[in-house]
Amino acid sequence: MVGPIRVVVTGAAGQIAYSLLHQIAKGDVFGHDQPLILHLLDIPPMMGVLNGVVMELNDCALPLINEMVATDNPEVAFKDVEAAFLVGAMPRKEGMERKDLLAANVKIFKAQGQALDKFAKKTVKVLVVGNPANTNALVCSKYAPSIPKENFSAMTRLDQNRAQAEVAAHLKVPVSCVNGVIIWGNHSSTQFPDVSHAKVILQSGKEASVYESIGDEKWLQTEFIEKIQKRGAEVIKARKLSSAMSAAKAAADHMHDIWHGTSNGRWVSMGVFSDGSYGTPEGVMFSFPVTIQNKEWKIVKGLPISTFAQSKLDITGKELIEERQEALAVCQD
């Protein structure tokens, strides 16, 4: 019998966690034979709600849960964890700018980085979901210097899933038939959803280029990009709440691929530390296509980048540099 692993979810009484915890607990992320000790962290005013979440998880009678620890104490929450979903953050509301979010949330991730540094296993894999995710992940890593910076990543999988689904709908194929969509840069309205390297299995059974199959460069370079960039705001306008179910699914997908790796010939999009690949700024969390083996990611190198694509990478890279400067200034206040 495999021993249990300790997994922490922050913001555990919130909307995203409500969907995410069930996926984790039934084995979709770490495996259907991997027992779990769930650490559930939230702020003191949310502990009553969190206790209700614990009741529901108990009532699900999920065999993989060995134990649950519901707490408002970061020392308890991060103790000996091997995987961390940092979901808890002030949610974006209708009309709110990302810089407003940044000021509110950066200090949260500074404190959580310090707690990870003190209490988590040094091998812990940390996924930042709370926005602005790329820069929050950067700050979290900065304040956890004893944990390798490669162990931190930011979620752009929701954007990849959105783009993949949009392509599939446009080509009238199941979403499983689309592969190789890339999200470059920031999880923001400057991100660049790129299908120029993507493939699709058409209704005929033939594999083809997504770009050529769609055959509408203007749509791909305007309406498609804008739709993916603004999808989060569109959801907020419709629900009056930010994306939750889809964000939880993307977080589960992201950590699943860290834990189990990517299959041959496939990559996924993740915000990771930039090494300057594709002319991107170094030292920011930039979303690249990555492959994963043995829980270690590698940026996919050598993809041809058009002048149009490079211009999009430059825009999102500039935003990430600006966010980094703002975030570090907030942390020093």
Protein backbone atom coordinates (compact mmCIF):
# COMPACT_ATOMS: atom_id res chain seq x y z
CA MET A 1 0.00 0.00 0.00
CA VAL A 2 1.35 3.42 -0.97
CA GLY A 3 1.80 5.83 1.92
CA PRO A 4 -0.29 9.01 2.02
CA ILE A 5 0.99 12.34 0.74
CA ARG A 6 0.14 15.68 2.31
CA VAL A 7 -1.54 18.16 -0.03
CA VAL A 8 -2.49 21.71 0.91
CA VAL A 9 -5.23 23.78 -0.70
CA THR A 10 -5.45 27.43 0.33
CA GLY A 11 -8.69 29.34 0.09
CA ALA A 12 -10.22 25.97 0.87
CA ALA A 13 -13.64 27.40 1.74
CA GLY A 14 -13.87 29.26 -1.57
CA GLN A 15 -15.57 28.59 -4.88
CA ILE A 16 -12.63 27.13 -6.80
CA ALA A 17 -11.64 24.84 -3.95
CA TYR A 18 -15.23 23.57 -3.69
CA SER A 19 -14.83 22.00 -7.13
CA LEU A 20 -11.11 21.24 -6.85
CA LEU A 21 -11.15 19.32 -3.58
CA HIS A 22 -13.48 16.67 -4.92
CA GLN A 23 -11.26 16.12 -7.97
CA ILE A 24 -8.17 15.77 -5.78
CA ALA A 25 -9.88 13.53 -3.24
CA LYS A 26 -11.27 11.07 -5.76
CA GLY A 27 -7.87 10.54 -7.34
CA ASP A 28 -8.01 12.58 -10.55
CA VAL A 29 -4.79 14.44 -9.73
CA PHE A 30 -2.34 12.21 -7.86
CA GLY A 31 -3.72 8.82 -8.86
CA HIS A 32 -6.57 6.56 -7.92
CA ASP A 33 -4.33 4.48 -5.64
CA GLN A 34 -2.65 7.42 -3.84
CA PRO A 35 -3.93 8.03 -0.29
CA LEU A 36 -4.08 11.66 0.82
CA ILE A 37 -3.89 13.82 3.90
CA LEU A 38 -5.64 17.04 2.92
CA HIS A 39 -4.54 20.30 4.55
CA LEU A 40 -7.26 22.93 4.13
CA LEU A 41 -6.27 26.53 4.83
CA ASP A 42 -8.47 29.60 4.99
CA ILE A 43 -8.77 32.83 6.97
CA PRO A 44 -10.41 32.87 10.43
CA PRO A 45 -13.78 34.35 9.28
CA MET A 46 -14.17 31.42 6.85
CA MET A 47 -13.60 28.59 9.30
CA GLY A 48 -17.32 27.91 9.77
CA VAL A 49 -17.75 27.52 6.02
CA LEU A 50 -14.61 25.38 5.84
CA ASN A 51 -16.00 23.05 8.49
CA GLY A 52 -19.02 22.59 6.24
CA VAL A 53 -16.71 21.66 3.35
CA VAL A 54 -15.03 19.09 5.60
CA MET A 55 -18.44 17.64 6.45
CA GLU A 56 -19.26 17.31 2.75
CA LEU A 57 -15.95 15.64 1.96
CA ASN A 58 -16.58 13.20 4.79
CA ASP A 59 -20.08 12.57 3.43
CA CYS A 60 -18.61 11.76 0.00
CA ALA A 61 -17.02 8.66 1.63
CA LEU A 62 -13.94 8.97 -0.59
CA PRO A 63 -11.55 6.10 0.19
CA LEU A 64 -8.34 8.02 -0.61
CA ILE A 65 -8.77 10.54 2.21
CA ASN A 66 -6.80 9.31 5.21
CA GLU A 67 -7.14 12.53 7.17
CA MET A 68 -8.22 16.16 6.82
CA VAL A 69 -6.66 19.11 8.62
CA ALA A 70 -8.78 22.28 8.48
CA THR A 71 -6.91 25.29 9.81
CA ASP A 72 -6.35 29.04 9.68
CA ASN A 73 -2.71 28.58 10.75
CA PRO A 74 -0.14 28.55 7.90
CA GLU A 75 2.34 26.65 10.09
CA VAL A 76 -0.12 23.77 10.38
CA ALA A 77 -1.31 24.04 6.78
CA PHE A 78 2.11 23.88 5.13
CA LYS A 79 3.73 21.36 7.48
CA ASP A 80 5.41 18.58 5.44
CA VAL A 81 3.25 19.10 2.36
CA GLU A 82 4.40 17.61 -0.95
CA ALA A 83 2.00 19.52 -3.19
CA ALA A 84 0.44 22.95 -2.76
CA PHE A 85 -2.50 24.53 -4.57
CA LEU A 86 -2.35 28.24 -3.73
CA VAL A 87 -5.89 29.20 -4.60
CA GLY A 88 -6.72 31.63 -1.81
CA ALA A 89 -6.63 35.26 -2.95
CA MET A 90 -8.94 38.20 -3.33
CA PRO A 91 -11.06 37.31 -6.38
CA ARG A 92 -11.29 39.63 -9.32
CA LYS A 93 -14.64 41.41 -9.49
CA GLU A 94 -16.39 43.07 -12.39
CA GLY A 95 -14.61 46.27 -13.40
CA MET A 96 -11.52 45.52 -11.29
CA GLU A 97 -8.10 46.04 -12.86
CA ARG A 98 -5.30 43.53 -12.39
CA LYS A 99 -3.10 46.10 -10.64
CA ASP A 100 -5.79 46.43 -7.95
CA LEU A 101 -5.62 42.68 -7.47
CA LEU A 102 -1.83 42.74 -7.41
CA ALA A 103 -1.62 45.19 -4.52
CA ALA A 104 -4.12 43.17 -2.48
CA ASN A 105 -2.72 39.73 -3.19
CA VAL A 106 1.05 40.07 -3.36
CA LYS A 107 1.42 40.26 0.42
CA ILE A 108 -0.63 37.07 0.79
CA PHE A 109 1.82 35.20 -1.44
CA LYS A 110 4.84 36.69 0.29
CA ALA A 111 3.56 35.27 3.60
CA GLN A 112 2.74 31.91 2.03
CA GLY A 113 6.20 31.73 0.47
CA GLN A 114 7.72 32.29 3.90
CA ALA A 115 5.51 29.58 5.38
CA LEU A 116 6.40 27.11 2.61
CA ASP A 117 10.07 27.86 3.19
CA LYS A 118 9.80 27.08 6.89
CA PHE A 119 7.40 24.15 6.98
CA ALA A 120 6.91 22.38 3.63
CA LYS A 121 9.04 19.59 2.20
CA LYS A 122 11.82 20.99 0.02
CA THR A 123 10.53 18.86 -2.85
CA VAL A 124 7.07 20.46 -2.69
CA LYS A 125 5.45 21.31 -6.03
CA VAL A 126 3.67 24.65 -5.79
CA LEU A 127 0.91 25.72 -8.18
CA VAL A 128 -0.27 29.32 -7.93
CA VAL A 129 -3.88 29.82 -9.04
CA GLY A 130 -4.76 33.10 -7.27
CA ASN A 131 -4.41 36.11 -9.56
CA PRO A 132 -2.28 37.74 -10.78
CA ALA A 133 -0.96 34.18 -10.85
CA ASN A 134 2.35 34.64 -12.69
CA THR A 135 3.58 37.44 -10.47
CA ASN A 136 2.17 35.88 -7.30
CA ALA A 137 4.18 32.74 -8.11
CA LEU A 138 7.30 34.85 -8.60
CA VAL A 139 6.82 36.53 -5.23
CA CYS A 140 6.04 33.24 -3.49
CA SER A 141 9.24 31.69 -4.81
CA LYS A 142 11.32 34.73 -3.86
CA TYR A 143 10.27 34.34 -0.24
CA ALA A 144 10.90 30.57 -0.22
CA PRO A 145 14.61 30.55 -1.10
CA SER A 146 15.27 27.03 0.23
CA ILE A 147 12.84 25.51 -2.27
CA PRO A 148 14.07 25.26 -5.89
CA LYS A 149 12.50 27.96 -8.03
CA GLU A 150 11.67 25.29 -10.62
CA ASN A 151 9.17 23.86 -8.10
CA PHE A 152 6.91 26.90 -8.54
CA SER A 153 4.53 27.37 -11.45
CA ALA A 154 1.57 29.54 -12.35
CA MET A 155 -1.63 28.34 -13.93
CA THR A 156 -2.28 29.18 -17.57
CA ARG A 157 -3.93 25.80 -18.18
CA LEU A 158 -7.37 27.41 -17.95
CA ASP A 159 -6.46 29.60 -20.91
CA GLN A 160 -5.11 26.58 -22.80
CA ASN A 161 -8.31 24.64 -22.10
CA ARG A 162 -10.41 27.60 -23.24
CA ALA A 163 -8.43 27.97 -26.46
CA GLN A 164 -8.49 24.24 -27.18
CA ALA A 165 -12.26 24.15 -26.66
CA GLU A 166 -12.79 27.18 -28.88
CA VAL A 167 -10.75 25.61 -31.71
CA ALA A 168 -12.64 22.34 -31.36
CA ALA A 169 -16.00 24.12 -31.52
CA HIS A 170 -14.89 26.11 -34.58
CA LEU A 171 -13.78 22.96 -36.41
CA LYS A 172 -16.74 20.91 -35.12
CA VAL A 173 -14.59 18.15 -33.59
CA PRO A 174 -14.36 16.78 -30.03
CA VAL A 175 -11.95 18.74 -27.85
CA SER A 176 -9.80 15.60 -27.48
CA CYS A 177 -8.99 15.88 -31.20
CA VAL A 178 -7.09 19.17 -30.71
CA ASN A 179 -3.49 19.12 -29.48
CA GLY A 180 -0.63 21.59 -29.26
CA VAL A 181 -2.37 24.88 -28.43
CA ILE A 182 0.05 27.19 -26.59
CA ILE A 183 -0.53 30.02 -24.15
CA TRP A 184 2.42 32.41 -24.09
CA GLY A 185 3.10 34.95 -21.37
CA ASN A 186 0.85 36.24 -18.63
CA HIS A 187 -2.49 34.92 -17.40
CA SER A 188 -4.03 38.27 -18.30
CA SER A 189 -5.54 40.11 -21.24
CA THR A 190 -2.05 40.33 -22.80
CA GLN A 191 -1.62 36.55 -23.04
CA PHE A 192 -1.08 35.13 -26.52
CA PRO A 193 -3.13 32.02 -27.37
CA ASP A 194 -1.22 30.47 -30.28
CA VAL A 195 -2.49 27.69 -32.57
CA SER A 196 0.24 27.96 -35.19
CA HIS A 197 1.85 24.71 -33.92
CA ALA A 198 -1.40 22.93 -33.05
CA LYS A 199 -2.77 19.81 -34.74
CA VAL A 200 -6.30 18.52 -35.15
CA ILE A 201 -7.74 15.12 -36.03
CA LEU A 202 -10.49 15.96 -38.50
CA GLN A 203 -13.78 14.12 -38.90
CA SER A 204 -12.13 12.17 -41.73
CA GLY A 205 -9.60 10.81 -39.22
CA LYS A 206 -6.74 12.70 -40.85
CA GLU A 207 -4.38 14.80 -38.70
CA ALA A 208 -3.92 18.32 -39.99
CA SER A 209 -2.67 21.77 -39.00
CA VAL A 210 -5.20 23.76 -36.97
CA TYR A 211 -4.09 26.96 -38.67
CA GLU A 212 -4.61 25.53 -42.14
CA SER A 213 -7.83 23.75 -41.20
CA ILE A 214 -9.41 26.94 -39.89
CA GLY A 215 -8.10 28.81 -42.91
CA ASP A 216 -8.99 32.25 -41.56
CA GLU A 217 -5.87 34.10 -40.49
CA LYS A 218 -7.77 37.29 -39.72
CA TRP A 219 -10.07 35.48 -37.27
CA LEU A 220 -7.13 33.66 -35.66
CA GLN A 221 -5.16 36.89 -35.20
CA THR A 222 -8.05 39.01 -33.90
CA GLU A 223 -11.36 37.60 -32.71
CA PHE A 224 -9.98 34.26 -31.50
CA ILE A 225 -7.17 35.86 -29.48
CA GLU A 226 -9.46 38.49 -27.98
CA LYS A 227 -12.06 35.90 -27.00
CA ILE A 228 -9.54 33.84 -25.03
CA GLN A 229 -7.91 36.92 -23.50
CA LYS A 230 -11.27 38.26 -22.29
CA ARG A 231 -13.02 35.01 -21.42
CA GLY A 232 -12.54 35.47 -17.69
CA ALA A 233 -14.19 38.88 -17.80
CA GLU A 234 -17.01 37.40 -19.92
CA VAL A 235 -17.65 34.74 -17.26
CA ILE A 236 -17.67 37.38 -14.52
CA LYS A 237 -20.19 39.46 -16.48
CA ALA A 238 -22.48 36.44 -16.88
CA ARG A 239 -22.13 34.83 -13.43
CA LYS A 240 -21.29 37.95 -11.40
CA LEU A 241 -18.53 35.72 -10.04
CA SER A 242 -15.15 34.69 -11.39
CA SER A 243 -14.47 31.33 -13.07
CA ALA A 244 -14.57 28.52 -10.53
CA MET A 245 -15.50 25.13 -11.99
CA SER A 246 -13.27 25.62 -15.05
CA ALA A 247 -10.43 27.02 -12.92
CA ALA A 248 -10.61 24.00 -10.62
CA LYS A 249 -10.49 21.61 -13.59
CA ALA A 250 -7.46 23.46 -14.98
CA ALA A 251 -5.66 23.34 -11.62
CA ALA A 252 -6.28 19.61 -11.44
CA ASP A 253 -4.99 19.17 -15.01
CA HIS A 254 -1.88 21.22 -14.25
CA MET A 255 -0.86 19.34 -11.11
CA HIS A 256 -1.77 15.98 -12.67
CA ASP A 257 0.72 16.62 -15.45
CA ILE A 258 3.43 17.70 -13.00
CA TRP A 259 2.88 14.49 -11.03
CA HIS A 260 2.52 12.05 -13.93
CA GLY A 261 4.32 13.78 -16.80
CA THR A 262 3.29 14.62 -20.34
CA SER A 263 2.87 11.93 -22.98
CA ASN A 264 5.26 11.70 -25.92
CA GLY A 265 4.79 14.39 -28.52
CA ARG A 266 2.59 16.55 -26.30
CA TRP A 267 3.24 19.70 -24.37
CA VAL A 268 1.20 21.79 -21.93
CA SER A 269 1.21 25.49 -21.08
CA MET A 270 2.55 26.56 -17.68
CA GLY A 271 3.87 29.77 -16.18
CA VAL A 272 7.48 28.96 -15.26
CA PHE A 273 10.69 30.89 -14.71
CA SER A 274 11.83 32.35 -17.99
CA ASP A 275 15.37 31.59 -19.09
CA GLY A 276 15.08 34.08 -21.94
CA SER A 277 13.80 31.53 -24.46
CA TYR A 278 12.03 33.04 -27.48
CA GLY A 279 13.33 36.50 -26.58
CA THR A 280 11.31 36.66 -23.38
CA PRO A 281 12.47 38.62 -20.32
CA GLU A 282 14.43 36.53 -17.83
CA GLY A 283 13.41 36.32 -14.20
CA VAL A 284 9.65 36.53 -14.66
CA MET A 285 7.08 33.75 -14.62
CA PHE A 286 6.23 33.38 -18.30
CA SER A 287 3.89 30.81 -19.80
CA PHE A 288 5.64 28.52 -22.25
CA PRO A 289 4.92 25.15 -23.81
CA VAL A 290 6.62 22.61 -21.55
CA THR A 291 7.14 18.88 -21.40
CA ILE A 292 7.33 17.14 -18.02
CA GLN A 293 9.18 14.01 -16.92
CA ASN A 294 9.94 12.84 -13.39
CA LYS A 295 8.10 15.91 -12.05
CA GLU A 296 10.52 18.25 -13.84
CA TRP A 297 9.48 20.57 -16.65
CA LYS A 298 11.45 21.64 -19.69
CA ILE A 299 10.60 24.49 -22.02
CA VAL A 300 9.99 23.26 -25.57
CA LYS A 301 12.75 24.89 -27.63
CA GLY A 302 13.15 25.72 -31.29
CA LEU A 303 9.57 26.38 -32.36
CA PRO A 304 9.42 28.84 -35.26
CA ILE A 305 7.94 32.16 -34.14
CA SER A 306 6.40 34.54 -36.68
CA THR A 307 6.87 38.30 -36.56
CA PHE A 308 3.23 38.59 -35.48
CA ALA A 309 3.73 36.08 -32.66
CA GLN A 310 6.94 37.75 -31.49
CA SER A 311 5.13 41.07 -31.21
CA LYS A 312 2.57 39.41 -28.93
CA LEU A 313 5.29 37.82 -26.79
CA ASP A 314 6.94 41.21 -26.41
CA ILE A 315 3.70 42.85 -25.20
CA THR A 316 2.98 40.23 -22.53
CA GLY A 317 6.65 40.14 -21.47
CA LYS A 318 6.61 43.91 -20.94
CA GLU A 319 3.54 43.59 -18.73
CA LEU A 320 5.21 40.91 -16.61
CA ILE A 321 8.27 43.14 -16.06
CA GLU A 322 5.96 45.96 -14.93
CA GLU A 323 4.05 43.63 -12.61
CA ARG A 324 7.31 42.36 -11.10
CA GLN A 325 8.40 45.91 -10.33
CA GLU A 326 5.05 46.78 -8.75
CA ALA A 327 4.95 43.56 -6.73
CA LEU A 328 8.43 43.92 -5.30
CA ALA A 329 7.69 47.53 -4.34
CA VAL A 330 4.55 46.38 -2.46
CA CYS A 331 6.53 43.65 -0.68
CA GLN A 332 9.07 46.20 0.57
CA ASP A 333 6.45 48.56 2.00
